[in-house]
């Protein structure tokens, strides 16, 4: 993320995520004050970082998790982690049965955990 920002990228402006947060709050953009809008922008940035972190994970190990999160979202249940630490915890504790048996990530990182 630091390299992205230092290279001129920006994580601001996630209006879609901000709109989703406002909708979850059951309010409107116009009903919020500047402090509330600033918090929503911060929360949207955290959500974007967490989603980017998940998207960068090993699809061979975590593809089913990502697919489940996407399907849940399209069915009206937003189970995406809201912060990077929550995304990390989800990946490191994710278990699924695959064709070779149970997939349990190893303790050496989120990209690890492939069956040997």
PDB file of N, CA and C in Angstrom:
ATOM      1  N   UNK A   1       0.830  -1.177   0.000  1.00  0.00           N
ATOM      2  CA  UNK A   1       0.000   0.000   0.000  1.00  0.00           C
ATOM      3  C   UNK A   1       0.879   1.246   0.000  1.00  0.00           C
ATOM      4  N   UNK A   2       1.972   1.208   0.768  1.00  0.00           N
ATOM      5  CA  UNK A   2       2.877   2.361   0.803  1.00  0.00           C
ATOM      6  C   UNK A   2       3.452   2.649  -0.581  1.00  0.00           C
ATOM      7  N   UNK A   3       3.859   1.598  -1.291  1.00  0.00           N
ATOM      8  CA  UNK A   3       4.422   1.785  -2.634  1.00  0.00           C
ATOM      9  C   UNK A   3       3.366   2.365  -3.559  1.00  0.00           C
ATOM     10  N   UNK A   4       2.156   1.882  -3.456  1.00  0.00           N
ATOM     11  CA  UNK A   4       1.057   2.375  -4.279  1.00  0.00           C
ATOM     12  C   UNK A   4       0.845   3.874  -4.054  1.00  0.00           C
ATOM     13  N   UNK A   5       0.805   4.289  -2.806  1.00  0.00           N
ATOM     14  CA  UNK A   5       0.580   5.700  -2.480  1.00  0.00           C
ATOM     15  C   UNK A   5       1.779   6.552  -2.883  1.00  0.00           C
ATOM     16  N   UNK A   6       3.012   6.047  -2.624  1.00  0.00           N
ATOM     17  CA  UNK A   6       4.212   6.789  -3.006  1.00  0.00           C
ATOM     18  C   UNK A   6       4.347   6.932  -4.514  1.00  0.00           C
ATOM     19  N   UNK A   7       3.737   6.023  -5.252  1.00  0.00           N
ATOM     20  CA  UNK A   7       3.788   6.081  -6.716  1.00  0.00           C
ATOM     21  C   UNK A   7       2.700   6.971  -7.294  1.00  0.00           C
ATOM     22  N   UNK A   8       1.957   7.628  -6.430  1.00  0.00           N
ATOM     23  CA  UNK A   8       0.935   8.551  -6.895  1.00  0.00           C
ATOM     24  C   UNK A   8      -0.476   8.005  -6.855  1.00  0.00           C
ATOM     25  N   UNK A   9      -0.643   6.774  -6.395  1.00  0.00           N
ATOM     26  CA  UNK A   9      -1.976   6.209  -6.292  1.00  0.00           C
ATOM     27  C   UNK A   9      -2.724   6.780  -5.105  1.00  0.00           C
ATOM     28  N   UNK A  10      -4.011   6.562  -5.089  1.00  0.00           N
ATOM     29  CA  UNK A  10      -4.837   7.062  -3.999  1.00  0.00           C
ATOM     30  C   UNK A  10      -5.867   6.010  -3.631  1.00  0.00           C
ATOM     31  N   UNK A  11      -6.115   5.887  -2.343  1.00  0.00           N
ATOM     32  CA  UNK A  11      -7.160   4.965  -1.898  1.00  0.00           C
ATOM     33  C   UNK A  11      -8.433   5.714  -1.562  1.00  0.00           C
ATOM     34  N   UNK A  12      -8.414   7.022  -1.754  1.00  0.00           N
ATOM     35  CA  UNK A  12      -9.608   7.825  -1.488  1.00  0.00           C
ATOM     36  C   UNK A  12     -10.584   7.727  -2.664  1.00  0.00           C
ATOM     37  N   UNK A  13     -11.807   8.113  -2.403  1.00  0.00           N
ATOM     38  CA  UNK A  13     -12.788   8.217  -3.470  1.00  0.00           C
ATOM     39  C   UNK A  13     -13.544   6.948  -3.770  1.00  0.00           C
ATOM     40  N   UNK A  14     -13.703   6.082  -2.778  1.00  0.00           N
ATOM     41  CA  UNK A  14     -14.458   4.848  -2.982  1.00  0.00           C
ATOM     42  C   UNK A  14     -15.931   5.133  -2.720  1.00  0.00           C
ATOM     43  N   UNK A  15     -16.530   5.884  -3.637  1.00  0.00           N
ATOM     44  CA  UNK A  15     -17.910   6.314  -3.422  1.00  0.00           C
ATOM     45  C   UNK A  15     -18.880   5.143  -3.336  1.00  0.00           C
ATOM     46  N   UNK A  16     -18.599   4.087  -4.056  1.00  0.00           N
ATOM     47  CA  UNK A  16     -19.467   2.913  -3.981  1.00  0.00           C
ATOM     48  C   UNK A  16     -19.449   2.289  -2.597  1.00  0.00           C
ATOM     49  N   UNK A  17     -18.262   2.201  -2.014  1.00  0.00           N
ATOM     50  CA  UNK A  17     -18.149   1.652  -0.659  1.00  0.00           C
ATOM     51  C   UNK A  17     -18.781   2.618   0.338  1.00  0.00           C
ATOM     52  N   UNK A  18     -18.520   3.915   0.154  1.00  0.00           N
ATOM     53  CA  UNK A  18     -19.125   4.908   1.047  1.00  0.00           C
ATOM     54  C   UNK A  18     -20.646   4.832   0.983  1.00  0.00           C
ATOM     55  N   UNK A  19     -21.190   4.718  -0.218  1.00  0.00           N
ATOM     56  CA  UNK A  19     -22.646   4.610  -0.376  1.00  0.00           C
ATOM     57  C   UNK A  19     -23.189   3.359   0.318  1.00  0.00           C
ATOM     58  N   UNK A  20     -22.449   2.258   0.218  1.00  0.00           N
ATOM     59  CA  UNK A  20     -22.877   1.021   0.869  1.00  0.00           C
ATOM     60  C   UNK A  20     -22.869   1.171   2.394  1.00  0.00           C
ATOM     61  N   UNK A  21     -21.860   1.860   2.922  1.00  0.00           N
ATOM     62  CA  UNK A  21     -21.792   2.090   4.370  1.00  0.00           C
ATOM     63  C   UNK A  21     -22.964   2.959   4.815  1.00  0.00           C
ATOM     64  N   UNK A  22     -23.240   4.004   4.051  1.00  0.00           N
ATOM     65  CA  UNK A  22     -24.362   4.893   4.383  1.00  0.00           C
ATOM     66  C   UNK A  22     -25.683   4.127   4.325  1.00  0.00           C
ATOM     67  N   UNK A  23     -25.819   3.257   3.345  1.00  0.00           N
ATOM     68  CA  UNK A  23     -27.038   2.453   3.222  1.00  0.00           C
ATOM     69  C   UNK A  23     -27.183   1.517   4.420  1.00  0.00           C
ATOM     70  N   UNK A  24     -26.059   0.891   4.842  1.00  0.00           N
ATOM     71  CA  UNK A  24     -26.095   0.013   6.020  1.00  0.00           C
ATOM     72  C   UNK A  24     -26.482   0.795   7.271  1.00  0.00           C
ATOM     73  N   UNK A  25     -26.133   2.074   7.313  1.00  0.00           N
ATOM     74  CA  UNK A  25     -26.477   2.933   8.453  1.00  0.00           C
ATOM     75  C   UNK A  25     -27.941   3.369   8.411  1.00  0.00           C
ATOM     76  N   UNK A  26     -28.611   3.052   7.303  1.00  0.00           N
ATOM     77  CA  UNK A  26     -30.018   3.422   7.099  1.00  0.00           C
ATOM     78  C   UNK A  26     -30.226   4.932   7.218  1.00  0.00           C
ATOM     79  N   UNK A  27     -29.381   5.659   6.510  1.00  0.00           N
ATOM     80  CA  UNK A  27     -29.485   7.114   6.471  1.00  0.00           C
ATOM     81  C   UNK A  27     -29.151   7.574   5.061  1.00  0.00           C
ATOM     82  N   UNK A  28     -29.026   8.874   4.880  1.00  0.00           N
ATOM     83  CA  UNK A  28     -28.657   9.418   3.577  1.00  0.00           C
ATOM     84  C   UNK A  28     -27.415  10.282   3.722  1.00  0.00           C
ATOM     85  N   UNK A  29     -26.768  10.520   2.610  1.00  0.00           N
ATOM     86  CA  UNK A  29     -25.560  11.345   2.585  1.00  0.00           C
ATOM     87  C   UNK A  29     -25.859  12.747   3.104  1.00  0.00           C
ATOM     88  N   UNK A  30     -26.993  13.288   2.707  1.00  0.00           N
ATOM     89  CA  UNK A  30     -27.368  14.646   3.102  1.00  0.00           C
ATOM     90  C   UNK A  30     -27.640  14.781   4.598  1.00  0.00           C
ATOM     91  N   UNK A  31     -27.996  13.686   5.261  1.00  0.00           N
ATOM     92  CA  UNK A  31     -28.320  13.737   6.688  1.00  0.00           C
ATOM     93  C   UNK A  31     -27.082  13.668   7.576  1.00  0.00           C
ATOM     94  N   UNK A  32     -25.915  13.467   6.975  1.00  0.00           N
ATOM     95  CA  UNK A  32     -24.690  13.303   7.754  1.00  0.00           C
ATOM     96  C   UNK A  32     -23.889  14.590   7.810  1.00  0.00           C
ATOM     97  N   UNK A  33     -23.253  14.798   8.942  1.00  0.00           N
ATOM     98  CA  UNK A  33     -22.397  15.962   9.112  1.00  0.00           C
ATOM     99  C   UNK A  33     -20.985  15.684   8.624  1.00  0.00           C
ATOM    100  N   UNK A  34     -20.129  16.714   8.624  1.00  0.00           N
ATOM    101  CA  UNK A  34     -18.758  16.564   8.123  1.00  0.00           C
ATOM    102  C   UNK A  34     -17.936  15.519   8.880  1.00  0.00           C
ATOM    103  N   UNK A  35     -18.096  15.453  10.198  1.00  0.00           N
ATOM    104  CA  UNK A  35     -17.342  14.462  10.978  1.00  0.00           C
ATOM    105  C   UNK A  35     -17.780  13.043  10.633  1.00  0.00           C
ATOM    106  N   UNK A  36     -19.084  12.848  10.475  1.00  0.00           N
ATOM    107  CA  UNK A  36     -19.599  11.523  10.116  1.00  0.00           C
ATOM    108  C   UNK A  36     -19.150  11.124   8.710  1.00  0.00           C
ATOM    109  N   UNK A  37     -19.164  12.086   7.796  1.00  0.00           N
ATOM    110  CA  UNK A  37     -18.717  11.800   6.430  1.00  0.00           C
ATOM    111  C   UNK A  37     -17.223  11.469   6.400  1.00  0.00           C
ATOM    112  N   UNK A  38     -16.433  12.156   7.217  1.00  0.00           N
ATOM    113  CA  UNK A  38     -14.999  11.864   7.286  1.00  0.00           C
ATOM    114  C   UNK A  38     -14.769  10.462   7.816  1.00  0.00           C
ATOM    115  N   UNK A  39     -15.541  10.042   8.819  1.00  0.00           N
ATOM    116  CA  UNK A  39     -15.410   8.678   9.354  1.00  0.00           C
ATOM    117  C   UNK A  39     -15.801   7.648   8.309  1.00  0.00           C
ATOM    118  N   UNK A  40     -16.851   7.940   7.557  1.00  0.00           N
ATOM    119  CA  UNK A  40     -17.275   7.021   6.500  1.00  0.00           C
ATOM    120  C   UNK A  40     -16.182   6.884   5.443  1.00  0.00           C
ATOM    121  N   UNK A  41     -15.517   7.980   5.096  1.00  0.00           N
ATOM    122  CA  UNK A  41     -14.413   7.925   4.141  1.00  0.00           C
ATOM    123  C   UNK A  41     -13.281   7.059   4.685  1.00  0.00           C
ATOM    124  N   UNK A  42     -12.956   7.224   5.964  1.00  0.00           N
ATOM    125  CA  UNK A  42     -11.923   6.396   6.605  1.00  0.00           C
ATOM    126  C   UNK A  42     -12.327   4.931   6.594  1.00  0.00           C
ATOM    127  N   UNK A  43     -13.580   4.656   6.954  1.00  0.00           N
ATOM    128  CA  UNK A  43     -14.075   3.274   6.958  1.00  0.00           C
ATOM    129  C   UNK A  43     -14.045   2.680   5.552  1.00  0.00           C
ATOM    130  N   UNK A  44     -14.401   3.476   4.546  1.00  0.00           N
ATOM    131  CA  UNK A  44     -14.380   2.998   3.159  1.00  0.00           C
ATOM    132  C   UNK A  44     -12.954   2.670   2.731  1.00  0.00           C
ATOM    133  N   UNK A  45     -11.990   3.478   3.147  1.00  0.00           N
ATOM    134  CA  UNK A  45     -10.584   3.199   2.830  1.00  0.00           C
ATOM    135  C   UNK A  45     -10.132   1.898   3.475  1.00  0.00           C
ATOM    136  N   UNK A  46     -10.535   1.678   4.720  1.00  0.00           N
ATOM    137  CA  UNK A  46     -10.193   0.427   5.409  1.00  0.00           C
ATOM    138  C   UNK A  46     -10.808  -0.775   4.683  1.00  0.00           C
ATOM    139  N   UNK A  47     -12.054  -0.642   4.278  1.00  0.00           N
ATOM    140  CA  UNK A  47     -12.718  -1.732   3.538  1.00  0.00           C
ATOM    141  C   UNK A  47     -12.005  -2.004   2.214  1.00  0.00           C
ATOM    142  N   UNK A  48     -11.612  -0.950   1.519  1.00  0.00           N
ATOM    143  CA  UNK A  48     -10.907  -1.112   0.247  1.00  0.00           C
ATOM    144  C   UNK A  48      -9.573  -1.822   0.454  1.00  0.00           C
ATOM    145  N   UNK A  49      -8.855  -1.447   1.499  1.00  0.00           N
ATOM    146  CA  UNK A  49      -7.574  -2.105   1.802  1.00  0.00           C
ATOM    147  C   UNK A  49      -7.785  -3.578   2.125  1.00  0.00           C
ATOM    148  N   UNK A  50      -8.804  -3.877   2.931  1.00  0.00           N
ATOM    149  CA  UNK A  50      -9.080  -5.266   3.298  1.00  0.00           C
ATOM    150  C   UNK A  50      -9.458  -6.095   2.072  1.00  0.00           C
ATOM    151  N   UNK A  51     -10.266  -5.501   1.192  1.00  0.00           N
ATOM    152  CA  UNK A  51     -10.675  -6.205  -0.027  1.00  0.00           C
ATOM    153  C   UNK A  51      -9.476  -6.420  -0.948  1.00  0.00           C
ATOM    154  N   UNK A  52      -8.617  -5.419  -1.060  1.00  0.00           N
ATOM    155  CA  UNK A  52      -7.407  -5.561  -1.877  1.00  0.00           C
ATOM    156  C   UNK A  52      -6.500  -6.646  -1.304  1.00  0.00           C
ATOM    157  N   UNK A  53      -6.390  -6.687  -0.001  1.00  0.00           N
ATOM    158  CA  UNK A  53      -5.580  -7.714   0.659  1.00  0.00           C
ATOM    159  C   UNK A  53      -6.122  -9.110   0.341  1.00  0.00           C
ATOM    160  N   UNK A  54      -7.440  -9.271   0.448  1.00  0.00           N
ATOM    161  CA  UNK A  54      -8.054 -10.562   0.119  1.00  0.00           C
ATOM    162  C   UNK A  54      -7.837 -10.917  -1.349  1.00  0.00           C
ATOM    163  N   UNK A  55      -7.993  -9.922  -2.220  1.00  0.00           N
ATOM    164  CA  UNK A  55      -7.845 -10.167  -3.660  1.00  0.00           C
ATOM    165  C   UNK A  55      -6.429 -10.587  -4.024  1.00  0.00           C
ATOM    166  N   UNK A  56      -5.465 -10.190  -3.218  1.00  0.00           N
ATOM    167  CA  UNK A  56      -4.074 -10.552  -3.468  1.00  0.00           C
ATOM    168  C   UNK A  56      -3.665 -11.876  -2.864  1.00  0.00           C
ATOM    169  N   UNK A  57      -4.599 -12.560  -2.221  1.00  0.00           N
ATOM    170  CA  UNK A  57      -4.261 -13.834  -1.594  1.00  0.00           C
ATOM    171  C   UNK A  57      -4.172 -14.945  -2.644  1.00  0.00           C
ATOM    172  N   UNK A  58      -3.625 -16.056  -2.250  1.00  0.00           N
ATOM    173  CA  UNK A  58      -3.416 -17.205  -3.124  1.00  0.00           C
ATOM    174  C   UNK A  58      -4.765 -17.830  -3.490  1.00  0.00           C
ATOM    175  N   UNK A  59      -5.176 -17.684  -4.737  1.00  0.00           N
ATOM    176  CA  UNK A  59      -6.481 -18.191  -5.171  1.00  0.00           C
ATOM    177  C   UNK A  59      -6.557 -19.712  -5.116  1.00  0.00           C
ATOM    178  N   UNK A  60      -5.428 -20.385  -5.221  1.00  0.00           N
ATOM    179  CA  UNK A  60      -5.454 -21.841  -5.122  1.00  0.00           C
ATOM    180  C   UNK A  60      -5.892 -22.273  -3.723  1.00  0.00           C
ATOM    181  N   UNK A  61      -5.547 -21.477  -2.739  1.00  0.00           N
ATOM    182  CA  UNK A  61      -5.905 -21.798  -1.355  1.00  0.00           C
ATOM    183  C   UNK A  61      -7.199 -21.128  -0.913  1.00  0.00           C
ATOM    184  N   UNK A  62      -7.433 -19.905  -1.371  1.00  0.00           N
ATOM    185  CA  UNK A  62      -8.515 -19.096  -0.820  1.00  0.00           C
ATOM    186  C   UNK A  62      -9.573 -18.701  -1.844  1.00  0.00           C
ATOM    187  N   UNK A  63      -9.495 -19.266  -3.031  1.00  0.00           N
ATOM    188  CA  UNK A  63     -10.456 -18.921  -4.076  1.00  0.00           C
ATOM    189  C   UNK A  63     -11.891 -19.202  -3.677  1.00  0.00           C
ATOM    190  N   UNK A  64     -12.133 -20.306  -2.999  1.00  0.00           N
ATOM    191  CA  UNK A  64     -13.485 -20.659  -2.555  1.00  0.00           C
ATOM    192  C   UNK A  64     -13.998 -19.644  -1.543  1.00  0.00           C
ATOM    193  N   UNK A  65     -13.133 -19.188  -0.650  1.00  0.00           N
ATOM    194  CA  UNK A  65     -13.509 -18.162   0.320  1.00  0.00           C
ATOM    195  C   UNK A  65     -13.934 -16.885  -0.391  1.00  0.00           C
ATOM    196  N   UNK A  66     -13.126 -16.437  -1.356  1.00  0.00           N
ATOM    197  CA  UNK A  66     -13.438 -15.222  -2.104  1.00  0.00           C
ATOM    198  C   UNK A  66     -14.761 -15.397  -2.853  1.00  0.00           C
ATOM    199  N   UNK A  67     -14.936 -16.543  -3.467  1.00  0.00           N
ATOM    200  CA  UNK A  67     -16.184 -16.826  -4.189  1.00  0.00           C
ATOM    201  C   UNK A  67     -17.380 -16.784  -3.245  1.00  0.00           C
ATOM    202  N   UNK A  68     -17.238 -17.368  -2.070  1.00  0.00           N
ATOM    203  CA  UNK A  68     -18.334 -17.361  -1.094  1.00  0.00           C
ATOM    204  C   UNK A  68     -18.666 -15.940  -0.642  1.00  0.00           C
ATOM    205  N   UNK A  69     -17.631 -15.123  -0.407  1.00  0.00           N
ATOM    206  CA  UNK A  69     -17.861 -13.737  -0.006  1.00  0.00           C
ATOM    207  C   UNK A  69     -18.606 -12.976  -1.103  1.00  0.00           C
ATOM    208  N   UNK A  70     -18.191 -13.187  -2.353  1.00  0.00           N
ATOM    209  CA  UNK A  70     -18.852 -12.520  -3.476  1.00  0.00           C
ATOM    210  C   UNK A  70     -20.312 -12.951  -3.582  1.00  0.00           C
ATOM    211  N   UNK A  71     -20.556 -14.259  -3.518  1.00  0.00           N
ATOM    212  CA  UNK A  71     -21.922 -14.761  -3.631  1.00  0.00           C
ATOM    213  C   UNK A  71     -22.798 -14.268  -2.478  1.00  0.00           C
ATOM    214  N   UNK A  72     -22.249 -14.271  -1.266  1.00  0.00           N
ATOM    215  CA  UNK A  72     -22.998 -13.752  -0.118  1.00  0.00           C
ATOM    216  C   UNK A  72     -23.379 -12.296  -0.340  1.00  0.00           C
ATOM    217  N   UNK A  73     -22.413 -11.504  -0.841  1.00  0.00           N
ATOM    218  CA  UNK A  73     -22.656 -10.076  -1.059  1.00  0.00           C
ATOM    219  C   UNK A  73     -23.797  -9.864  -2.059  1.00  0.00           C
ATOM    220  N   UNK A  74     -23.769 -10.628  -3.149  1.00  0.00           N
ATOM    221  CA  UNK A  74     -24.813 -10.467  -4.168  1.00  0.00           C
ATOM    222  C   UNK A  74     -26.172 -10.966  -3.700  1.00  0.00           C
ATOM    223  N   UNK A  75     -26.163 -11.730  -2.611  1.00  0.00           N
ATOM    224  CA  UNK A  75     -27.424 -12.183  -2.024  1.00  0.00           C
ATOM    225  C   UNK A  75     -27.841 -11.300  -0.851  1.00  0.00           C
ATOM    226  N   UNK A  76     -27.142 -10.185  -0.667  1.00  0.00           N
ATOM    227  CA  UNK A  76     -27.540  -9.218   0.348  1.00  0.00           C
ATOM    228  C   UNK A  76     -26.877  -9.361   1.691  1.00  0.00           C
ATOM    229  N   UNK A  77     -25.872 -10.209   1.799  1.00  0.00           N
ATOM    230  CA  UNK A  77     -25.178 -10.409   3.067  1.00  0.00           C
ATOM    231  C   UNK A  77     -23.713 -10.013   2.896  1.00  0.00           C
ATOM    232  N   UNK A  78     -23.331  -8.862   3.417  1.00  0.00           N
ATOM    233  CA  UNK A  78     -21.970  -8.367   3.273  1.00  0.00           C
ATOM    234  C   UNK A  78     -21.092  -8.928   4.390  1.00  0.00           C
ATOM    235  N   UNK A  79     -20.371  -9.991   4.086  1.00  0.00           N
ATOM    236  CA  UNK A  79     -19.493 -10.634   5.056  1.00  0.00           C
ATOM    237  C   UNK A  79     -18.031 -10.282   4.841  1.00  0.00           C
ATOM    238  N   UNK A  80     -17.768  -9.327   3.950  1.00  0.00           N
ATOM    239  CA  UNK A  80     -16.386  -8.918   3.716  1.00  0.00           C
ATOM    240  C   UNK A  80     -15.811  -8.318   4.994  1.00  0.00           C
ATOM    241  N   UNK A  81     -14.565  -8.635   5.303  1.00  0.00           N
ATOM    242  CA  UNK A  81     -13.924  -8.004   6.463  1.00  0.00           C
ATOM    243  C   UNK A  81     -13.822  -6.498   6.246  1.00  0.00           C
ATOM    244  N   UNK A  82     -13.959  -5.752   7.318  1.00  0.00           N
ATOM    245  CA  UNK A  82     -13.950  -4.296   7.234  1.00  0.00           C
ATOM    246  C   UNK A  82     -12.552  -3.703   7.413  1.00  0.00           C
ATOM    247  N   UNK A  83     -11.611  -4.503   7.909  1.00  0.00           N
ATOM    248  CA  UNK A  83     -10.249  -4.018   8.148  1.00  0.00           C
ATOM    249  C   UNK A  83      -9.250  -5.092   7.708  1.00  0.00           C
ATOM    250  N   UNK A  84      -8.031  -4.675   7.427  1.00  0.00           N
ATOM    251  CA  UNK A  84      -6.996  -5.597   6.963  1.00  0.00           C
ATOM    252  C   UNK A  84      -6.723  -6.676   7.999  1.00  0.00           C
ATOM    253  N   UNK A  85      -6.672  -6.320   9.274  1.00  0.00           N
ATOM    254  CA  UNK A  85      -6.394  -7.327  10.304  1.00  0.00           C
ATOM    255  C   UNK A  85      -7.489  -8.389  10.330  1.00  0.00           C
ATOM    256  N   UNK A  86      -8.733  -7.992  10.097  1.00  0.00           N
ATOM    257  CA  UNK A  86      -9.831  -8.957  10.042  1.00  0.00           C
ATOM    258  C   UNK A  86      -9.690  -9.859   8.808  1.00  0.00           C
ATOM    259  N   UNK A  87      -9.254  -9.278   7.682  1.00  0.00           N
ATOM    260  CA  UNK A  87      -9.026 -10.081   6.475  1.00  0.00           C
ATOM    261  C   UNK A  87      -7.888 -11.069   6.704  1.00  0.00           C
ATOM    262  N   UNK A  88      -6.826 -10.611   7.338  1.00  0.00           N
ATOM    263  CA  UNK A  88      -5.690 -11.488   7.654  1.00  0.00           C
ATOM    264  C   UNK A  88      -6.144 -12.636   8.559  1.00  0.00           C
ATOM    265  N   UNK A  89      -6.904 -12.309   9.597  1.00  0.00           N
ATOM    266  CA  UNK A  89      -7.389 -13.347  10.508  1.00  0.00           C
ATOM    267  C   UNK A  89      -8.297 -14.340   9.794  1.00  0.00           C
ATOM    268  N   UNK A  90      -9.118 -13.850   8.885  1.00  0.00           N
ATOM    269  CA  UNK A  90      -9.991 -14.733   8.113  1.00  0.00           C
ATOM    270  C   UNK A  90      -9.164 -15.703   7.279  1.00  0.00           C
ATOM    271  N   UNK A  91      -8.150 -15.187   6.596  1.00  0.00           N
ATOM    272  CA  UNK A  91      -7.314 -16.049   5.762  1.00  0.00           C
ATOM    273  C   UNK A  91      -6.526 -17.059   6.591  1.00  0.00           C
ATOM    274  N   UNK A  92      -5.962 -16.618   7.693  1.00  0.00           N
ATOM    275  CA  UNK A  92      -5.120 -17.534   8.475  1.00  0.00           C
ATOM    276  C   UNK A  92      -5.933 -18.589   9.206  1.00  0.00           C
ATOM    277  N   UNK A  93      -7.221 -18.356   9.394  1.00  0.00           N
ATOM    278  CA  UNK A  93      -8.059 -19.327  10.097  1.00  0.00           C
ATOM    279  C   UNK A  93      -9.027 -20.071   9.180  1.00  0.00           C
ATOM    280  N   UNK A  94      -8.977 -19.781   7.889  1.00  0.00           N
ATOM    281  CA  UNK A  94      -9.890 -20.391   6.923  1.00  0.00           C
ATOM    282  C   UNK A  94      -9.583 -21.867   6.756  1.00  0.00           C
ATOM    283  N   UNK A  95     -10.627 -22.677   6.768  1.00  0.00           N
ATOM    284  CA  UNK A  95     -10.491 -24.115   6.545  1.00  0.00           C
ATOM    285  C   UNK A  95     -11.547 -24.515   5.530  1.00  0.00           C
ATOM    286  N   UNK A  96     -11.165 -25.383   4.639  1.00  0.00           N
ATOM    287  CA  UNK A  96     -12.129 -25.903   3.673  1.00  0.00           C
ATOM    288  C   UNK A  96     -11.699 -27.291   3.254  1.00  0.00           C
ATOM    289  N   UNK A  97     -12.661 -28.072   2.895  1.00  0.00           N
ATOM    290  CA  UNK A  97     -12.366 -29.391   2.388  1.00  0.00           C
ATOM    291  C   UNK A  97     -12.153 -29.261   0.888  1.00  0.00           C
ATOM    292  N   UNK A  98     -11.083 -29.845   0.391  1.00  0.00           N
ATOM    293  CA  UNK A  98     -10.855 -29.834  -1.049  1.00  0.00           C
ATOM    294  C   UNK A  98     -10.657 -31.270  -1.518  1.00  0.00           C
ATOM    295  N   UNK A  99     -10.312 -31.438  -2.760  1.00  0.00           N
ATOM    296  CA  UNK A  99     -10.213 -32.789  -3.313  1.00  0.00           C
ATOM    297  C   UNK A  99      -9.115 -33.624  -2.675  1.00  0.00           C
ATOM    298  N   UNK A 100      -8.164 -32.976  -2.004  1.00  0.00           N
ATOM    299  CA  UNK A 100      -7.060 -33.691  -1.376  1.00  0.00           C
ATOM    300  C   UNK A 100      -7.241 -33.838   0.131  1.00  0.00           C
ATOM    301  N   UNK A 101      -8.346 -33.370   0.662  1.00  0.00           N
ATOM    302  CA  UNK A 101      -8.573 -33.396   2.097  1.00  0.00           C
ATOM    303  C   UNK A 101      -8.755 -31.981   2.607  1.00  0.00           C
ATOM    304  N   UNK A 102      -8.641 -31.809   3.872  1.00  0.00           N
ATOM    305  CA  UNK A 102      -8.859 -30.496   4.484  1.00  0.00           C
ATOM    306  C   UNK A 102      -7.713 -29.571   4.201  1.00  0.00           C
ATOM    307  N   UNK A 103      -8.052 -28.354   3.847  1.00  0.00           N
ATOM    308  CA  UNK A 103      -7.047 -27.299   3.673  1.00  0.00           C
ATOM    309  C   UNK A 103      -6.977 -26.530   4.980  1.00  0.00           C
ATOM    310  N   UNK A 104      -5.821 -26.515   5.578  1.00  0.00           N
ATOM    311  CA  UNK A 104      -5.602 -25.720   6.774  1.00  0.00           C
ATOM    312  C   UNK A 104      -4.342 -24.907   6.541  1.00  0.00           C
ATOM    313  N   UNK A 105      -4.464 -23.583   6.532  1.00  0.00           N
ATOM    314  CA  UNK A 105      -3.279 -22.761   6.296  1.00  0.00           C
ATOM    315  C   UNK A 105      -2.197 -23.031   7.324  1.00  0.00           C
ATOM    316  N   UNK A 106      -0.963 -22.926   6.881  1.00  0.00           N
ATOM    317  CA  UNK A 106       0.152 -23.076   7.807  1.00  0.00           C
ATOM    318  C   UNK A 106       0.383 -21.765   8.520  1.00  0.00           C
ATOM    319  N   UNK A 107       1.231 -21.786   9.517  1.00  0.00           N
ATOM    320  CA  UNK A 107       1.466 -20.602  10.339  1.00  0.00           C
ATOM    321  C   UNK A 107       2.458 -19.635   9.718  1.00  0.00           C
ATOM    322  N   UNK A 108       2.977 -19.928   8.519  1.00  0.00           N
ATOM    323  CA  UNK A 108       4.032 -19.076   7.978  1.00  0.00           C
ATOM    324  C   UNK A 108       3.531 -18.010   7.021  1.00  0.00           C
ATOM    325  N   UNK A 109       2.238 -17.757   6.963  1.00  0.00           N
ATOM    326  CA  UNK A 109       1.748 -16.660   6.143  1.00  0.00           C
ATOM    327  C   UNK A 109       0.467 -16.984   5.420  1.00  0.00           C
ATOM    328  N   UNK A 110      -0.181 -15.945   4.928  1.00  0.00           N
ATOM    329  CA  UNK A 110      -1.484 -16.141   4.297  1.00  0.00           C
ATOM    330  C   UNK A 110      -1.393 -16.786   2.930  1.00  0.00           C
ATOM    331  N   UNK A 111      -0.266 -16.686   2.249  1.00  0.00           N
ATOM    332  CA  UNK A 111      -0.150 -17.283   0.922  1.00  0.00           C
ATOM    333  C   UNK A 111       0.209 -18.750   1.018  1.00  0.00           C
ATOM    334  N   UNK A 112       0.565 -19.207   2.183  1.00  0.00           N
ATOM    335  CA  UNK A 112       0.955 -20.601   2.379  1.00  0.00           C
ATOM    336  C   UNK A 112      -0.290 -21.444   2.596  1.00  0.00           C
ATOM    337  N   UNK A 113      -0.104 -22.709   2.778  1.00  0.00           N
ATOM    338  CA  UNK A 113      -1.191 -23.581   3.115  1.00  0.00           C
ATOM    339  C   UNK A 113      -1.572 -24.535   2.007  1.00  0.00           C
ATOM    340  N   UNK A 114      -0.839 -24.562   0.929  1.00  0.00           N
ATOM    341  CA  UNK A 114      -1.151 -25.525  -0.124  1.00  0.00           C
ATOM    342  C   UNK A 114      -0.815 -26.931   0.379  1.00  0.00           C
ATOM    343  N   UNK A 115      -1.602 -27.876  -0.092  1.00  0.00           N
ATOM    344  CA  UNK A 115      -1.307 -29.254   0.265  1.00  0.00           C
ATOM    345  C   UNK A 115      -0.026 -29.685  -0.395  1.00  0.00           C
ATOM    346  N   UNK A 116       0.759 -30.375   0.323  1.00  0.00           N
ATOM    347  CA  UNK A 116       2.078 -30.778  -0.163  1.00  0.00           C
ATOM    348  C   UNK A 116       2.008 -32.142  -0.818  1.00  0.00           C
TER     349      UNK A 116
END
